[in-house]
Protein backbone atom coordinates (compact mmCIF):
# COMPACT_ATOMS: atom_id res chain seq x y z
CA MET A 1 129.13 88.86 125.45
CA ASP A 2 127.25 87.85 128.61
CA GLU A 3 123.95 89.11 130.02
CA LYS A 4 125.65 91.64 132.31
CA GLU A 5 127.55 93.27 129.45
CA LEU A 6 124.40 93.39 127.36
CA MET A 7 122.50 95.05 130.19
CA GLU A 8 125.25 97.67 130.51
CA ILE A 9 124.87 98.56 126.81
CA PHE A 10 121.08 98.84 127.09
CA SER A 11 121.29 100.82 130.33
CA LYS A 12 123.77 103.26 128.78
CA ALA A 13 121.49 103.75 125.76
CA LEU A 14 118.53 104.35 128.06
CA ALA A 15 120.48 106.88 130.10
CA GLU A 16 121.45 108.86 126.99
CA ASN A 17 117.93 108.79 125.57
CA LYS A 18 114.91 108.64 127.83
CA ASP A 19 112.51 108.35 124.91
CA THR A 20 111.13 105.03 123.77
CA ILE A 21 113.23 102.14 122.44
CA VAL A 22 112.49 101.12 118.88
CA ALA A 23 110.31 98.01 118.85
CA GLU A 24 112.04 96.33 115.92
CA ALA A 25 115.57 96.73 117.25
CA THR A 26 114.57 95.76 120.78
CA LYS A 27 112.83 92.63 119.58
CA ALA A 28 115.87 91.66 117.50
CA ALA A 29 118.10 92.09 120.54
CA ILE A 30 115.82 90.01 122.73
CA GLU A 31 115.68 87.25 120.14
CA ALA A 32 119.49 87.25 119.93
CA VAL A 33 119.84 86.96 123.70
CA GLU A 34 117.11 84.35 124.13
CA ALA A 35 118.78 82.30 121.42
CA LYS A 36 121.64 81.91 123.92
CA GLY A 37 119.24 80.46 126.47
CA ILE A 38 118.76 83.62 128.56
CA ASP A 39 115.14 84.24 129.57
CA LEU A 40 115.01 88.01 130.07
CA ASN A 41 111.38 88.01 131.14
CA LYS A 42 111.75 85.19 133.62
CA LYS A 43 109.80 82.76 131.44
CA GLY A 44 107.29 85.45 130.57
CA GLU A 45 106.11 86.02 127.00
CA PHE A 46 107.94 88.84 125.23
CA PRO A 47 105.49 91.61 124.15
CA LYS A 48 105.53 92.56 120.47
CA THR A 49 106.22 96.22 121.27
CA CYS A 50 108.08 97.12 124.43
CA VAL A 51 110.45 99.40 126.33
CA PHE A 52 112.61 98.88 129.37
CA ASN A 53 110.65 98.52 132.56
CA THR A 54 111.90 101.33 134.81
CA ASP A 55 109.60 100.50 137.73
CA ARG A 56 112.00 99.57 140.56
CA SER A 57 109.43 97.36 142.26
CA THR A 58 108.88 95.10 139.25
CA LYS A 59 111.82 95.42 136.87
CA GLY A 60 113.69 92.64 138.67
CA LYS A 61 111.00 90.20 137.54
CA VAL A 62 109.98 91.70 134.20
CA MET A 63 112.70 93.51 132.29
CA PHE A 64 110.44 94.91 129.54
CA THR A 65 106.97 96.42 129.51
CA GLU A 66 104.56 96.64 126.59
CA ILE A 67 103.86 99.94 124.78
CA SER A 68 101.43 100.98 122.04
CA GLU A 69 102.23 100.83 118.32
CA GLU A 70 101.86 104.61 118.09
CA VAL A 71 104.83 105.30 120.37
CA ASP A 72 107.68 107.06 118.55
CA ASN A 73 110.42 104.78 117.15
CA PHE A 74 113.94 104.88 118.48
CA ALA A 75 116.60 106.05 115.96
CA LYS A 76 117.93 103.52 113.47
CA ASP A 77 121.46 103.70 114.79
CA PHE A 78 120.27 101.66 117.77
CA LYS A 79 120.27 98.69 115.39
CA ALA A 80 124.05 98.88 115.40
CA ILE A 81 123.95 97.90 119.07
CA VAL A 82 121.86 94.87 118.16
CA LEU A 83 124.22 93.89 115.35
CA ALA A 84 127.24 94.29 117.61
CA THR A 85 125.52 92.15 120.22
CA LYS A 86 124.74 89.39 117.72
CA ALA A 87 128.32 89.43 116.43
CA GLY A 88 129.78 89.34 119.93
CA GLY A 89 131.50 92.65 119.30
CA THR A 90 131.57 95.96 121.14
CA VAL A 91 130.18 99.37 120.38
CA ASN A 92 130.84 102.85 121.75
CA VAL A 93 127.34 103.81 122.81
CA ASP A 94 128.30 107.42 123.59
CA ASN A 95 129.66 108.09 120.10
CA LEU A 96 126.85 106.18 118.46
CA LEU A 97 124.10 108.15 120.18
CA ARG A 98 125.78 111.51 119.56
CA LYS A 99 126.21 110.70 115.86
CA GLY A 100 122.65 109.54 115.37
CA PHE A 101 120.62 111.91 117.52
CA ASN A 102 122.42 115.10 118.50
CA GLU A 103 122.21 118.41 116.65
CA THR A 104 125.19 119.38 114.46
CA ASP A 105 125.64 123.14 114.28
CA ASP A 106 126.04 124.66 110.83
CA ASP A 107 127.43 128.15 110.09
CA ASP A 108 124.10 129.70 110.95
CA GLY A 109 123.63 127.76 114.14
CA GLY A 110 120.96 125.38 112.83
CA TYR A 111 121.27 121.65 112.30
CA PHE A 112 120.37 119.13 109.66
CA VAL A 113 118.37 115.97 110.21
CA PRO A 114 120.69 112.94 109.91
CA ASP A 115 120.86 111.07 106.57
CA GLU A 116 119.38 107.95 108.15
CA VAL A 117 116.07 109.75 108.64
CA GLY A 118 115.98 111.06 105.05
CA ASN A 119 116.66 107.61 103.60
CA GLY A 120 113.85 106.15 105.65
CA ILE A 121 111.41 108.65 104.20
CA ILE A 122 112.48 107.89 100.64
CA ARG A 123 111.73 104.21 101.18
CA PHE A 124 108.34 105.12 102.61
CA MET A 125 107.50 107.14 99.52
CA GLU A 126 108.44 104.35 97.13
CA GLU A 127 106.43 101.76 99.02
CA SER A 128 103.27 103.82 99.40
CA SER A 129 103.02 105.43 95.95
CA VAL A 130 100.62 104.09 93.33
CA ILE A 131 101.92 105.94 90.26
CA ARG A 132 105.66 106.30 91.02
CA SER A 133 106.21 102.57 91.51
CA GLY A 134 105.46 101.84 87.84
CA ALA A 135 106.29 105.14 86.16
CA THR A 136 109.25 106.15 83.98
CA VAL A 137 111.45 108.16 86.37
CA ARG A 138 114.29 110.46 85.31
CA THR A 139 116.45 112.96 87.18
CA THR A 140 117.90 116.38 86.37
CA THR A 141 120.70 118.44 87.84
CA GLY A 142 118.93 121.59 86.67
CA ASN A 143 115.30 122.69 86.80
CA LYS A 144 113.84 120.93 83.74
CA LYS A 145 114.40 118.12 81.30
CA SER A 146 112.83 116.96 78.05
CA PHE A 147 111.72 113.47 77.08
CA ASN A 148 112.03 112.38 73.45
CA LYS A 149 108.73 110.83 72.44
CA LEU A 150 107.65 108.74 69.48
CA ASN A 151 104.31 109.99 68.11
CA GLN A 152 102.10 106.89 68.25
CA THR A 153 98.75 108.61 67.92
CA THR A 154 97.90 106.89 64.63
CA SER A 155 100.69 104.34 64.26
CA SER A 156 102.44 102.08 66.75
CA PHE A 157 105.72 102.70 64.94
CA GLY A 158 105.41 106.46 64.73
CA GLY A 159 104.64 106.68 61.02
CA ILE A 160 107.09 104.11 59.64
CA THR A 161 105.44 102.11 56.83
CA LEU A 162 106.72 98.95 55.17
CA TYR A 163 105.78 97.48 51.78
CA VAL A 164 106.31 94.38 49.73
CA VAL A 165 107.82 95.49 46.41
CA PRO A 166 108.74 93.60 43.24
CA GLU A 167 112.27 93.40 41.90
CA SER A 168 113.45 96.85 40.80
CA GLY A 169 110.20 98.27 42.19
CA GLU A 170 110.14 101.73 43.73
CA ILE A 171 110.18 101.85 47.55
CA THR A 172 107.90 104.40 49.17
CA GLU A 173 109.64 106.52 51.76
CA SER A 174 108.34 106.90 55.31
CA SER A 175 109.74 108.36 58.50
CA ALA A 176 109.10 108.25 62.22
CA LYS A 177 107.63 111.28 63.94
CA ILE A 178 109.59 112.22 67.04
CA GLY A 179 108.22 114.73 69.51
CA ARG A 180 109.42 116.13 72.78
CA VAL A 181 107.83 116.42 76.20
CA MET A 182 109.22 118.98 78.65
CA LEU A 183 109.06 118.49 82.42
CA GLN A 184 109.92 121.30 84.82
CA LEU A 185 110.34 120.79 88.55
CA ALA A 186 107.66 122.07 90.88
CA LYS A 187 108.25 122.44 94.62
CA ILE A 188 106.27 120.66 97.32
CA ALA A 189 107.00 122.20 100.70
CA GLY A 190 106.01 121.84 104.33
CA LEU A 191 107.01 123.68 107.51
CA THR A 192 106.46 123.00 111.19
CA THR A 193 107.49 124.68 114.43
CA ILE A 194 108.56 122.87 117.62
CA THR A 195 109.19 124.39 121.02
CA ASP A 196 112.75 123.82 122.20
CA GLU A 197 111.47 122.35 125.45
CA LEU A 198 109.60 119.67 123.56
CA LEU A 199 112.51 119.12 121.21
CA GLN A 200 114.96 118.67 124.08
CA ASP A 201 112.69 116.40 126.07
CA ASN A 202 111.74 114.20 123.10
CA ASN A 203 114.63 114.74 120.71
CA VAL A 204 114.93 111.34 119.05
CA GLY A 205 111.32 110.20 119.16
CA LEU A 206 109.86 113.55 118.17
CA VAL A 207 112.17 114.20 115.23
CA ASN A 208 111.64 110.70 113.84
CA PHE A 209 107.89 110.99 114.25
CA ILE A 210 107.71 114.37 112.49
CA THR A 211 109.96 113.33 109.61
CA SER A 212 108.00 110.11 109.11
CA LEU A 213 104.72 112.03 109.21
CA PHE A 214 105.90 114.60 106.65
CA GLY A 215 107.36 111.83 104.51
CA GLU A 216 104.01 110.05 104.45
CA ALA A 217 102.16 113.30 103.71
CA ILE A 218 104.51 114.26 100.86
CA ALA A 219 104.25 110.78 99.36
CA TYR A 220 100.46 111.01 99.36
CA PHE A 221 100.41 114.61 98.13
CA GLU A 222 102.83 113.86 95.28
CA ASP A 223 100.89 110.78 94.20
CA ASN A 224 97.63 112.73 94.28
CA LEU A 225 99.17 115.32 91.93
CA PHE A 226 100.17 112.54 89.54
CA VAL A 227 96.48 111.58 89.41
CA ASN A 228 94.65 114.92 89.78
CA GLY A 229 97.21 117.66 89.07
CA THR A 230 96.28 120.48 86.69
CA GLY A 231 99.66 120.81 84.96
CA THR A 232 99.80 124.53 85.79
CA GLY A 233 102.75 125.00 88.15
CA GLU A 234 102.33 121.41 89.26
CA PRO A 235 102.42 117.91 87.74
CA MET A 236 99.80 117.01 85.12
CA GLY A 237 97.52 114.37 86.54
CA ILE A 238 96.31 111.34 84.60
CA LEU A 239 92.69 112.40 84.96
CA ASN A 240 93.35 115.83 83.40
CA SER A 241 95.75 114.99 80.58
CA ALA A 242 94.78 115.29 76.91
CA LEU A 243 96.85 112.16 76.22
CA VAL A 244 94.40 110.03 78.20
CA ALA A 245 91.61 108.46 76.16
CA SER A 246 88.00 108.40 77.39
CA VAL A 247 85.25 105.78 77.26
CA ALA A 248 81.63 106.74 77.99
CA ARG A 249 79.88 104.52 80.53
CA GLN A 250 76.85 102.48 79.45
CA THR A 251 74.76 103.23 82.54
CA ALA A 252 74.81 106.59 84.33
CA GLY A 253 76.26 106.46 87.85
CA ALA A 254 77.47 102.86 87.55
CA VAL A 255 80.29 100.71 86.22
CA GLY A 256 79.48 97.63 84.16
CA ILE A 257 81.20 94.75 82.41
CA GLN A 258 80.75 96.32 78.97
CA ASP A 259 82.47 99.47 80.25
CA MET A 260 85.52 97.40 81.18
CA LEU A 261 85.56 95.68 77.79
CA ASN A 262 85.29 99.00 75.95
CA MET A 263 88.18 100.43 77.97
CA ASP A 264 90.34 97.40 77.24
CA ASN A 265 89.63 97.83 73.53
CA GLU A 266 91.16 101.32 73.65
CA ILE A 267 94.62 100.09 74.68
CA PRO A 268 96.82 98.73 71.85
CA ASP A 269 97.98 95.13 72.20
CA GLN A 270 101.64 96.15 72.49
CA LEU A 271 100.82 98.09 75.67
CA SER A 272 98.78 95.31 77.29
CA ASP A 273 101.77 93.95 79.19
CA GLY A 274 101.87 95.95 82.42
CA LEU A 275 98.27 97.22 82.36
CA VAL A 276 96.59 97.80 85.72
CA TRP A 277 93.09 98.88 86.82
CA LEU A 278 92.99 101.88 89.17
CA MET A 279 89.89 102.70 91.24
CA ARG A 280 88.52 103.47 94.68
CA LYS A 281 87.46 100.74 97.10
CA THR A 282 83.77 101.65 96.67
CA THR A 283 84.07 101.25 92.91
CA TYR A 284 85.84 97.93 93.34
CA ASN A 285 83.16 96.68 95.73
CA SER A 286 80.44 97.55 93.20
CA LEU A 287 82.09 95.13 90.76
CA VAL A 288 82.58 92.23 93.14
CA GLY A 289 80.19 89.43 92.21
CA LYS A 290 79.39 90.69 88.71
CA ARG A 291 79.26 87.92 86.14
CA ALA A 292 79.21 87.77 82.36
CA ALA A 293 75.80 87.47 80.71
CA VAL A 294 75.00 84.11 79.11
CA TYR A 295 72.10 83.55 76.70
CA ASN A 296 70.01 80.61 77.93
CA GLY A 297 67.89 80.31 74.78
CA THR A 298 65.34 82.83 75.92
CA ILE A 299 67.10 85.70 77.66
CA SER A 300 70.61 86.69 78.74
CA VAL A 301 71.32 86.07 82.41
CA GLU A 302 74.45 86.86 84.41
CA THR A 303 75.58 83.31 85.11
CA GLY A 304 78.90 83.36 83.25
CA GLU A 305 82.42 83.91 84.51
CA PHE A 306 83.00 86.36 87.34
CA LEU A 307 84.38 89.73 86.24
CA ILE A 308 86.89 89.79 89.12
CA THR A 309 88.95 86.65 89.56
CA LYS A 310 91.11 85.89 92.60
CA ASP A 311 94.52 84.27 92.51
CA ILE A 312 95.07 80.83 94.02
CA THR A 313 95.73 82.32 97.46
CA GLY A 314 92.40 84.16 97.49
CA LYS A 315 94.17 87.26 98.78
CA GLY A 316 94.40 90.75 97.31
CA PRO A 317 91.97 92.56 95.00
CA GLY A 318 92.50 90.01 92.21
CA ASN A 319 92.39 90.52 88.44
CA MET A 320 89.87 91.87 85.96
CA LEU A 321 90.11 90.80 82.30
CA GLY A 322 93.56 89.48 83.17
CA TYR A 323 94.92 92.77 84.60
CA PRO A 324 95.62 93.39 88.31
CA ILE A 325 93.53 95.83 90.31
CA VAL A 326 94.91 98.58 92.56
CA LYS A 327 92.61 100.40 94.96
CA SER A 328 93.35 104.06 95.74
CA SER A 329 91.30 106.90 97.22
CA LYS A 330 92.98 109.34 94.83
CA PHE A 331 90.66 108.43 91.96
CA SER A 332 87.15 109.77 91.39
CA ALA A 333 84.07 108.63 93.29
CA LEU A 334 81.93 105.85 91.88
CA GLY A 335 79.72 107.05 89.05
CA THR A 336 81.79 110.13 88.20
CA ALA A 337 84.34 110.74 85.45
CA GLY A 338 87.62 109.04 86.29
CA ASP A 339 86.24 106.47 88.71
CA VAL A 340 88.00 103.71 86.72
CA VAL A 341 91.32 104.04 84.87
CA LEU A 342 93.10 101.37 82.84
CA ALA A 343 96.77 102.32 82.75
CA ASN A 344 100.20 101.27 81.62
CA LEU A 345 102.10 103.29 84.20
CA LYS A 346 105.30 103.23 82.17
CA GLY A 347 103.56 105.86 80.07
CA TYR A 348 103.72 108.35 82.98
CA GLY A 349 106.96 110.34 83.22
CA ILE A 350 108.33 111.63 86.51
CA LEU A 351 111.22 114.08 86.87
CA ASP A 352 113.11 114.24 90.18
CA LYS A 353 115.91 116.51 91.29
CA ALA A 354 119.16 114.54 91.01
CA GLY A 355 120.41 113.39 94.38
CA GLY A 356 117.15 114.60 95.82
CA GLY A 357 114.38 112.83 97.61
CA ILE A 358 113.20 115.10 100.39
CA SER A 359 115.39 117.97 101.52
CA ILE A 360 115.07 118.36 105.28
CA ALA A 361 116.58 121.26 107.24
CA THR A 362 116.00 123.03 110.53
CA SER A 363 116.58 126.53 111.82
CA THR A 364 116.68 128.02 115.31
CA HIS A 365 116.85 131.61 114.03
CA THR A 366 113.46 132.43 112.51
CA ARG A 367 111.71 131.78 115.85
CA PHE A 368 114.74 132.44 118.05
CA LYS A 369 113.08 134.93 120.40
CA TYR A 370 110.27 132.43 121.03
CA ASP A 371 112.72 129.61 121.82
CA GLU A 372 111.33 127.54 118.97
CA THR A 373 112.86 125.49 116.17
CA GLN A 374 111.42 125.17 112.68
CA MET A 375 111.72 122.12 110.42
CA ARG A 376 111.35 122.51 106.65
CA PHE A 377 110.62 119.73 104.16
CA ILE A 378 111.00 120.25 100.39
CA LYS A 379 110.46 117.85 97.49
CA ARG A 380 111.04 118.99 93.88
CA VAL A 381 109.25 116.92 91.25
CA ASP A 382 107.22 117.03 88.06
CA GLY A 383 105.21 114.48 86.17
CA GLN A 384 102.83 113.96 83.26
CA PRO A 385 101.64 111.27 80.83
CA ILE A 386 104.28 110.95 78.10
CA ALA A 387 103.00 108.05 75.97
CA ASP A 388 100.08 107.90 73.58
CA ASN A 389 97.40 105.25 74.18
CA ALA A 390 98.80 104.21 77.56
CA PHE A 391 95.80 105.37 79.59
CA VAL A 392 92.02 105.28 79.29
CA LYS A 393 89.48 106.56 81.81
CA LEU A 394 85.77 105.92 82.22
CA VAL A 395 83.63 109.07 81.89
CA ASP A 396 79.95 110.02 81.81
CA ALA A 397 78.02 109.76 78.56
CA ALA A 398 77.87 113.05 76.65
């Protein structure tokens, strides 16, 4: 495929969609062409984020012009053009654009957002969530589902007891205590209205921007419920669950080394693998530089090991008492109950609707007389702590 053929593909795509070109796909295409020795910018440096230069007076010299990071992304199907270009193949741009971007009428006259957009949002949720990434996740085809749970409140093995007995000695019977935790889906929903003029003028960019924005908002909202939810018609948050142990802080309004040690003591050894500290950035910053106290023969001075240790790269929040630290604004403010949590996130159960993710649909009927289209976003989910002794939070002294 030569430069002329490539330009015809790009020009056709631009003609069908006058919104912005996705930065990632465009850059990949440029790299593929420049690898063949073609300098599209006439020896100029390729901008990190760009679109076609449509200025007739300059486009002969500079084919692309830089745009801001906030500009709406082009639809993912444009990547197929890049892949076809790299492979030296061909692609029907007309069919590709219609498949990826145009509205498909349903029986009621509305249309559904393409699957590619929904999948992108699901990935966003998984990458940005604090709790979901480490939790125990199950799905249901109905509205609720139960988790079988070993009661480990007083025994790691749920009440099973073993003995050493002599020959012909009587063996004492014991049994495990099995409980059940029920999760029932709650509904997270969002709705927005778009004028048809704006939708028609900015179809691809606008739809992608809105779906990405709602995906980000739902991911944050869901994760916040997993931390702060009340359990009444919504997920039970870690900070409000009766299964979460509490440790009273040594000094009011502050977090100290002894507080961390006391919290660590609350978690059984068998749950230590996978533990993580959860706190806000301000709480984390209050701990940076703290050192263990060392008795010098007269008094104890903080000249021992640092509480927070960095890895060999020096990047990231580091570790505290051997456990990684995750910073999140969803936890309580410094000096208040729940400002620090030590958690084994496998002990948090999440129930999703099978085949779900986010359900996205649109309708032109509810606002038909106003020439407006509505987009609806729904996520069905529930969650709560399901394991004993998997969480401990720092609280104020009684």
